[in-house]
N, C-alpha and C. Protein backbone atom coordinates (compact mmCIF):
# COMPACT_ATOMS: atom_id res chain seq x y z
N MET A 1 80.75 103.52 120.45
CA MET A 1 81.82 104.68 120.08
C MET A 1 81.24 105.95 120.89
N VAL A 2 81.26 106.82 121.07
CA VAL A 2 81.11 108.12 121.94
C VAL A 2 81.25 108.90 120.86
N VAL A 3 79.81 109.58 120.39
CA VAL A 3 80.66 111.53 119.99
C VAL A 3 79.60 111.82 120.33
N GLN A 4 80.76 113.13 120.70
CA GLN A 4 80.15 114.20 121.65
C GLN A 4 79.23 114.20 122.58
N GLY A 5 79.12 112.54 123.48
CA GLY A 5 78.52 112.25 124.03
C GLY A 5 77.18 111.75 124.32
N LEU A 6 77.13 111.21 122.27
CA LEU A 6 76.77 110.43 122.51
C LEU A 6 76.85 108.70 122.02
N ALA A 7 76.25 107.92 122.85
CA ALA A 7 76.54 106.62 122.12
C ALA A 7 76.22 106.13 120.57
N VAL A 8 77.17 106.13 119.99
CA VAL A 8 76.66 105.67 118.61
C VAL A 8 76.98 104.47 118.06
N PRO A 9 75.88 103.50 117.69
CA PRO A 9 75.70 101.99 117.79
C PRO A 9 77.12 101.44 116.52
N ARG A 10 77.50 100.37 116.58
CA ARG A 10 78.24 100.15 115.78
C ARG A 10 77.40 100.31 114.64
N ARG A 11 76.28 99.05 113.98
CA ARG A 11 75.52 99.35 112.98
C ARG A 11 75.68 101.04 112.13
N SER A 12 75.74 102.03 113.10
CA SER A 12 75.74 103.00 112.85
C SER A 12 76.78 103.84 111.88
N LEU A 13 78.16 103.14 112.62
CA LEU A 13 79.36 103.40 111.92
C LEU A 13 79.57 102.83 110.86
N LEU A 14 79.17 101.86 110.45
CA LEU A 14 78.96 101.08 109.75
C LEU A 14 78.54 100.69 108.10
N ALA A 15 77.52 101.66 108.86
CA ALA A 15 76.31 102.45 107.77
C ALA A 15 77.01 103.71 106.98
N CYS A 16 77.81 104.01 107.80
CA CYS A 16 78.19 106.06 107.59
C CYS A 16 80.04 105.49 106.22
N GLY A 17 80.28 103.93 106.86
CA GLY A 17 81.17 103.45 105.61
C GLY A 17 80.42 103.21 104.35
N LEU A 18 79.56 102.51 104.09
CA LEU A 18 78.66 102.15 103.69
C LEU A 18 78.52 103.28 102.34
N LEU A 19 77.69 104.32 102.92
CA LEU A 19 76.99 105.39 102.26
C LEU A 19 78.62 106.24 101.90
N TYR A 20 79.45 106.93 102.50
CA TYR A 20 80.45 106.73 101.77
C TYR A 20 81.23 106.46 100.40
N ALA A 21 81.49 104.91 100.66
CA ALA A 21 81.53 104.09 99.21
C ALA A 21 80.54 103.88 98.40
N VAL A 22 79.20 103.62 98.71
CA VAL A 22 78.63 103.67 97.42
C VAL A 22 78.36 105.39 97.04
N LEU A 23 77.89 106.44 97.54
CA LEU A 23 77.31 107.51 97.30
C LEU A 23 78.90 108.33 96.66
N TYR A 24 79.97 108.14 96.99
CA TYR A 24 80.73 109.08 96.18
C TYR A 24 80.87 108.71 95.01
N PRO A 25 81.30 107.52 94.23
CA PRO A 25 81.32 107.26 92.89
C PRO A 25 80.02 108.01 92.32
N ILE A 26 79.07 107.74 92.61
CA ILE A 26 77.51 107.84 92.55
C ILE A 26 77.19 109.62 92.16
N VAL A 27 78.04 110.32 93.21
CA VAL A 27 77.79 112.10 93.07
C VAL A 27 78.76 112.60 92.30
N ASN A 28 79.82 111.43 92.01
CA ASN A 28 81.19 111.80 91.25
C ASN A 28 81.22 111.86 89.91
N ASP A 29 80.64 110.51 89.77
CA ASP A 29 80.61 109.68 88.32
C ASP A 29 79.65 110.12 87.56
N VAL A 30 78.61 110.18 88.38
CA VAL A 30 77.19 109.77 87.20
C VAL A 30 76.27 111.25 87.63
N ILE A 31 76.34 111.72 88.48
CA ILE A 31 75.83 112.87 88.83
C ILE A 31 76.46 114.13 88.22
N ALA A 32 77.82 114.57 88.76
CA ALA A 32 78.14 115.69 88.58
C ALA A 32 78.93 115.25 86.89
N ALA A 33 78.64 114.19 86.40
CA ALA A 33 79.66 114.39 84.79
C ALA A 33 78.18 114.43 83.92
N ASN A 34 76.78 113.89 84.54
CA ASN A 34 75.90 114.77 83.86
C ASN A 34 75.87 116.25 83.94
N LEU A 35 76.36 116.92 84.83
CA LEU A 35 75.77 118.42 84.84
C LEU A 35 77.03 118.82 83.97
N TYR A 36 77.90 118.43 83.44
CA TYR A 36 78.81 118.97 82.69
C TYR A 36 78.80 118.52 81.17
N ASP A 37 77.96 119.67 80.61
CA ASP A 37 78.17 119.02 79.12
C ASP A 37 79.41 118.56 78.36
N GLY A 38 79.47 117.87 77.88
CA GLY A 38 80.26 117.24 77.10
C GLY A 38 81.66 116.81 77.55
N TYR A 39 81.42 116.20 78.67
CA TYR A 39 82.48 115.31 80.09
C TYR A 39 82.86 114.68 79.43
N SER A 40 83.82 113.42 79.49
CA SER A 40 84.31 112.30 78.90
C SER A 40 84.78 111.52 79.95
N ARG A 41 84.30 110.65 80.40
CA ARG A 41 84.99 110.21 81.70
C ARG A 41 86.37 109.38 80.94
N MET A 42 86.49 108.73 79.63
CA MET A 42 87.49 108.15 79.16
C MET A 42 88.45 109.27 78.93
N ASP A 43 88.35 110.77 78.59
CA ASP A 43 89.18 112.08 78.21
C ASP A 43 89.40 112.29 78.98
N GLN A 44 89.12 113.03 80.47
CA GLN A 44 88.91 113.53 81.40
C GLN A 44 89.35 113.37 82.13
N ALA A 45 89.82 114.28 83.24
CA ALA A 45 90.07 113.85 84.46
C ALA A 45 88.98 114.03 85.41
N VAL A 46 88.87 113.54 86.76
CA VAL A 46 87.27 113.35 87.23
C VAL A 46 87.57 114.98 88.01
N SER A 47 89.26 114.86 88.05
CA SER A 47 88.86 116.55 88.90
C SER A 47 88.92 117.82 88.13
N GLU A 48 88.51 117.66 87.20
CA GLU A 48 87.89 118.70 86.01
C GLU A 48 86.51 119.02 86.37
N LEU A 49 86.07 118.16 86.74
CA LEU A 49 84.21 118.34 87.54
C LEU A 49 84.38 119.54 88.24
N SER A 50 85.40 119.27 89.48
CA SER A 50 85.42 120.40 90.46
C SER A 50 86.06 121.45 90.16
N ALA A 51 86.66 121.93 88.68
CA ALA A 51 87.52 123.04 88.60
C ALA A 51 87.11 123.81 88.42
N VAL A 52 87.47 125.29 88.69
CA VAL A 52 86.76 126.88 88.68
C VAL A 52 86.08 127.10 87.55
N GLY A 53 85.30 126.97 87.29
CA GLY A 53 84.40 127.77 85.92
C GLY A 53 83.55 126.38 85.51
N ALA A 54 84.19 124.90 86.03
CA ALA A 54 83.02 123.96 85.93
C ALA A 54 81.97 124.59 86.43
N PRO A 55 80.47 123.33 85.59
CA PRO A 55 79.42 123.71 85.51
C PRO A 55 79.14 122.53 86.97
N ALA A 56 79.78 121.34 87.35
CA ALA A 56 79.45 120.79 88.20
C ALA A 56 80.31 121.22 89.52
N ARG A 57 80.72 122.24 89.88
CA ARG A 57 81.85 122.52 90.94
C ARG A 57 80.61 123.34 92.19
N ALA A 58 79.75 124.01 91.35
CA ALA A 58 78.69 124.21 92.64
C ALA A 58 78.45 123.03 93.56
N PHE A 59 77.81 121.96 93.19
CA PHE A 59 77.40 120.59 93.11
C PHE A 59 77.89 120.03 94.16
N LEU A 60 79.35 119.54 93.32
CA LEU A 60 80.37 119.07 93.97
C LEU A 60 80.64 119.66 95.34
N THR A 61 80.85 121.19 95.77
CA THR A 61 81.31 121.57 96.59
C THR A 61 80.47 121.58 97.82
N ALA A 62 78.64 121.45 97.46
CA ALA A 62 77.86 121.11 98.05
C ALA A 62 77.60 120.59 99.13
N THR A 63 78.57 118.85 98.43
CA THR A 63 78.73 117.69 98.95
C THR A 63 79.84 117.47 100.19
N VAL A 64 80.96 118.63 99.77
CA VAL A 64 81.95 117.99 100.76
C VAL A 64 81.59 117.78 102.01
N PRO A 65 80.45 118.77 102.49
CA PRO A 65 80.69 118.90 104.40
C PRO A 65 80.08 117.06 104.21
N VAL A 66 78.73 116.83 103.46
CA VAL A 66 78.45 115.40 103.79
C VAL A 66 79.36 114.25 103.82
N PHE A 67 80.37 114.48 102.55
CA PHE A 67 81.30 113.18 102.48
C PHE A 67 82.28 113.36 104.10
N SER A 68 82.77 114.81 104.27
CA SER A 68 83.60 114.90 105.60
C SER A 68 83.19 114.43 106.45
N LEU A 69 81.70 114.51 106.53
CA LEU A 69 81.22 114.04 108.18
C LEU A 69 81.43 112.64 108.07
N LEU A 70 80.49 111.62 106.93
CA LEU A 70 81.01 110.15 106.74
C LEU A 70 81.83 109.30 107.19
N SER A 71 83.40 110.69 106.01
CA SER A 71 84.61 109.84 107.02
C SER A 71 85.21 109.90 107.38
N ARG A 72 84.61 111.37 108.71
CA ARG A 72 85.57 111.54 109.72
C ARG A 72 84.86 110.46 111.11
N VAL A 73 83.33 109.98 110.63
CA VAL A 73 82.54 108.54 111.80
C VAL A 73 83.34 107.95 111.30
N ARG A 74 83.34 107.41 109.79
CA ARG A 74 83.82 105.98 109.50
C ARG A 74 85.39 106.17 110.31
N SER A 75 86.35 106.58 109.86
CA SER A 75 87.69 106.57 110.44
C SER A 75 87.93 106.64 111.68
N SER A 76 87.15 107.92 111.98
CA SER A 76 87.25 107.25 113.97
C SER A 76 86.98 106.49 114.68
N SER A 77 85.92 105.77 113.79
CA SER A 77 85.95 103.97 114.36
C SER A 77 86.99 103.05 113.91
N LEU A 78 87.29 103.30 113.32
CA LEU A 78 88.24 102.47 112.92
C LEU A 78 89.80 102.27 114.01
N MET A 79 89.83 103.37 114.22
CA MET A 79 91.04 104.09 115.11
C MET A 79 90.43 103.99 116.04
N GLU A 80 89.19 104.02 116.86
CA GLU A 80 89.28 103.20 118.25
C GLU A 80 89.70 102.15 118.22
N ARG A 81 89.06 101.02 117.54
CA ARG A 81 89.18 99.40 117.54
C ARG A 81 90.76 98.86 117.06
N TRP A 82 91.42 99.80 116.48
CA TRP A 82 93.41 99.91 116.40
C TRP A 82 93.59 100.01 118.00
N ASP A 83 94.99 99.21 117.55
CA ASP A 83 96.08 99.43 119.25
C ASP A 83 96.85 100.18 118.45
N PHE A 84 97.36 101.31 118.70
CA PHE A 84 98.62 101.38 117.60
C PHE A 84 99.91 102.12 119.13
N SER A 85 99.51 101.38 119.93
CA SER A 85 100.12 101.55 121.29
C SER A 85 101.83 101.22 121.03
N GLY A 86 101.66 100.22 120.10
CA GLY A 86 103.07 99.36 119.64
C GLY A 86 103.63 100.04 118.86
N TYR A 87 102.83 101.74 118.04
CA TYR A 87 104.01 102.08 117.09
C TYR A 87 104.17 103.18 117.71
N SER A 88 104.26 103.18 118.76
CA SER A 88 104.42 105.18 119.12
C SER A 88 105.99 105.25 118.99
N HIS A 89 106.66 104.74 119.04
CA HIS A 89 108.37 104.42 117.99
C HIS A 89 108.56 105.43 116.98
N LEU A 90 106.98 105.41 116.08
CA LEU A 90 107.35 105.98 114.80
C LEU A 90 106.71 107.41 114.35
N CYS A 91 106.58 107.88 115.73
CA CYS A 91 106.30 109.39 115.86
C CYS A 91 107.35 110.36 116.20
N ARG A 92 107.73 111.03 115.99
CA ARG A 92 108.71 112.03 116.66
C ARG A 92 108.21 112.25 117.54
N ASN A 93 106.47 112.87 118.14
CA ASN A 93 106.60 113.42 119.91
C ASN A 93 105.88 112.28 120.31
N ALA A 94 105.97 111.43 120.36
CA ALA A 94 106.38 109.85 121.17
C ALA A 94 106.71 110.48 122.65
N ARG A 95 106.05 109.93 123.09
CA ARG A 95 106.16 109.91 125.01
C ARG A 95 107.37 109.31 125.29
């Protein structure tokens, strides 16, 4: 895969996918939940951690670019591998 002129080894792409899968629940369920005093994983939704006025909102907002980058690299590597040419009839603007 080439990302803006740089060849990215497949192991790096795999690492991005693994990092995303491992770090996302740790950041949300462990770190952010501990920043929110009185938060109950059993009684409250995860979305309450990033709600307006929530103590963990600033932390979670700061992590968005990291997870966006990991997700984008991971998904673009998957899209490169799959051949979607046989499914062009499903797209409205297909040529």
